[in-house]
Amino acid sequence: MCSRCGKAAEGIPPTWICSVENHTRHYFCEGCARANLRAIESRLDSAWW
């Protein structure tokens, strides 16, 4: 599931972004990743976006 919007993964394997924050893996769907691309590239924690 997407850590941002809660969308369930469809298809195997999903083409999602994986981020490790505070030793925990977070997965983000394509829509959330595209909407927050600059924050992801700036290496901001997901709490900031």
N, C-alpha and C. Protein backbone atom coordinates (compact mmCIF):
# COMPACT_ATOMS: atom_id res chain seq x y z
N MET A 1 0.83 -1.18 0.00
CA MET A 1 0.00 0.00 0.00
C MET A 1 0.87 1.25 0.00
N CYS A 2 0.35 2.28 -0.65
CA CYS A 2 1.06 3.56 -0.69
C CYS A 2 1.06 4.19 0.70
N SER A 3 2.21 4.63 1.15
CA SER A 3 2.32 5.25 2.47
C SER A 3 1.70 6.63 2.51
N ARG A 4 1.43 7.20 1.35
CA ARG A 4 0.88 8.56 1.30
C ARG A 4 -0.64 8.56 1.16
N CYS A 5 -1.16 7.83 0.15
CA CYS A 5 -2.60 7.87 -0.13
C CYS A 5 -3.34 6.59 0.23
N GLY A 6 -2.60 5.50 0.49
CA GLY A 6 -3.23 4.25 0.88
C GLY A 6 -3.67 3.37 -0.27
N LYS A 7 -3.31 3.74 -1.50
CA LYS A 7 -3.68 2.96 -2.68
C LYS A 7 -3.01 1.58 -2.63
N ALA A 8 -3.77 0.56 -3.00
CA ALA A 8 -3.23 -0.81 -3.03
C ALA A 8 -2.49 -1.03 -4.34
N ALA A 9 -1.43 -1.80 -4.27
CA ALA A 9 -0.63 -2.11 -5.46
C ALA A 9 -1.40 -3.03 -6.40
N GLU A 10 -1.35 -2.71 -7.70
CA GLU A 10 -1.96 -3.54 -8.73
C GLU A 10 -0.86 -3.99 -9.68
N GLY A 11 -0.82 -5.26 -9.98
CA GLY A 11 0.21 -5.78 -10.87
C GLY A 11 1.44 -6.18 -10.09
N ILE A 12 2.21 -7.05 -10.70
CA ILE A 12 3.41 -7.55 -10.03
C ILE A 12 4.59 -7.37 -10.96
N PRO A 13 5.68 -6.77 -10.58
CA PRO A 13 5.84 -5.93 -9.41
C PRO A 13 5.35 -4.51 -9.70
N PRO A 14 4.87 -3.79 -8.71
CA PRO A 14 4.45 -2.41 -8.96
C PRO A 14 5.67 -1.52 -9.21
N THR A 15 5.51 -0.51 -10.01
CA THR A 15 6.61 0.42 -10.31
C THR A 15 6.48 1.62 -9.38
N TRP A 16 6.73 1.39 -8.13
CA TRP A 16 6.60 2.41 -7.11
C TRP A 16 7.96 2.83 -6.59
N ILE A 17 7.97 3.96 -5.89
CA ILE A 17 9.18 4.48 -5.25
C ILE A 17 9.29 3.89 -3.84
N CYS A 18 10.47 3.50 -3.45
CA CYS A 18 10.72 3.03 -2.09
C CYS A 18 11.65 4.02 -1.42
N SER A 19 11.27 4.45 -0.23
CA SER A 19 12.07 5.39 0.54
C SER A 19 12.30 4.81 1.94
N VAL A 20 13.52 4.92 2.43
CA VAL A 20 13.83 4.47 3.78
C VAL A 20 13.95 5.70 4.67
N GLU A 21 13.06 5.79 5.65
CA GLU A 21 13.05 6.92 6.58
C GLU A 21 13.02 6.36 8.00
N ASN A 22 13.98 6.77 8.80
CA ASN A 22 14.08 6.30 10.18
C ASN A 22 14.09 4.78 10.26
N HIS A 23 14.85 4.15 9.39
CA HIS A 23 15.02 2.69 9.33
C HIS A 23 13.73 1.95 8.96
N THR A 24 12.78 2.62 8.34
CA THR A 24 11.52 2.01 7.93
C THR A 24 11.31 2.27 6.44
N ARG A 25 10.92 1.22 5.71
CA ARG A 25 10.65 1.38 4.28
C ARG A 25 9.25 1.93 4.06
N HIS A 26 9.16 2.91 3.17
CA HIS A 26 7.88 3.49 2.77
C HIS A 26 7.79 3.37 1.26
N TYR A 27 6.63 2.93 0.78
CA TYR A 27 6.39 2.80 -0.65
C TYR A 27 5.38 3.84 -1.08
N PHE A 28 5.64 4.48 -2.23
CA PHE A 28 4.77 5.53 -2.75
C PHE A 28 4.35 5.18 -4.17
N CYS A 29 3.05 5.31 -4.45
CA CYS A 29 2.53 5.00 -5.78
C CYS A 29 3.04 6.03 -6.78
N GLU A 30 2.82 5.75 -8.06
CA GLU A 30 3.31 6.64 -9.11
C GLU A 30 2.72 8.04 -9.00
N GLY A 31 1.43 8.13 -8.68
CA GLY A 31 0.77 9.43 -8.57
C GLY A 31 1.36 10.29 -7.46
N CYS A 32 1.54 9.70 -6.29
CA CYS A 32 2.13 10.44 -5.16
C CYS A 32 3.59 10.79 -5.44
N ALA A 33 4.31 9.89 -6.06
CA ALA A 33 5.72 10.15 -6.37
C ALA A 33 5.85 11.28 -7.37
N ARG A 34 5.00 11.30 -8.41
CA ARG A 34 5.06 12.38 -9.40
C ARG A 34 4.67 13.72 -8.80
N ALA A 35 3.67 13.72 -7.93
CA ALA A 35 3.21 14.96 -7.32
C ALA A 35 4.24 15.56 -6.37
N ASN A 36 5.13 14.73 -5.84
CA ASN A 36 6.11 15.19 -4.84
C ASN A 36 7.54 14.94 -5.29
N LEU A 37 7.78 14.94 -6.58
CA LEU A 37 9.09 14.59 -7.12
C LEU A 37 10.21 15.49 -6.60
N ARG A 38 9.98 16.79 -6.55
CA ARG A 38 11.03 17.70 -6.08
C ARG A 38 11.40 17.44 -4.61
N ALA A 39 10.42 17.16 -3.80
CA ALA A 39 10.68 16.86 -2.39
C ALA A 39 11.46 15.56 -2.25
N ILE A 40 11.11 14.57 -3.08
CA ILE A 40 11.81 13.28 -3.04
C ILE A 40 13.27 13.47 -3.48
N GLU A 41 13.48 14.21 -4.57
CA GLU A 41 14.84 14.45 -5.04
C GLU A 41 15.65 15.27 -4.05
N SER A 42 14.99 16.11 -3.26
CA SER A 42 15.67 16.91 -2.24
C SER A 42 15.94 16.11 -0.98
N ARG A 43 15.48 14.86 -0.97
CA ARG A 43 15.66 13.93 0.13
C ARG A 43 14.97 14.38 1.41
N LEU A 44 13.81 15.04 1.25
CA LEU A 44 13.02 15.43 2.40
C LEU A 44 12.21 14.23 2.88
N ASP A 45 12.03 14.10 4.18
CA ASP A 45 11.17 13.04 4.71
C ASP A 45 9.75 13.27 4.22
N SER A 46 8.98 12.21 4.09
CA SER A 46 7.62 12.33 3.58
C SER A 46 6.73 13.18 4.47
N ALA A 47 7.08 13.36 5.73
CA ALA A 47 6.30 14.22 6.62
C ALA A 47 6.34 15.67 6.15
N TRP A 48 7.37 16.07 5.40
CA TRP A 48 7.48 17.43 4.91
C TRP A 48 6.64 17.69 3.67
N TRP A 49 6.26 16.65 2.92
CA TRP A 49 5.46 16.87 1.73
C TRP A 49 4.05 16.56 1.96
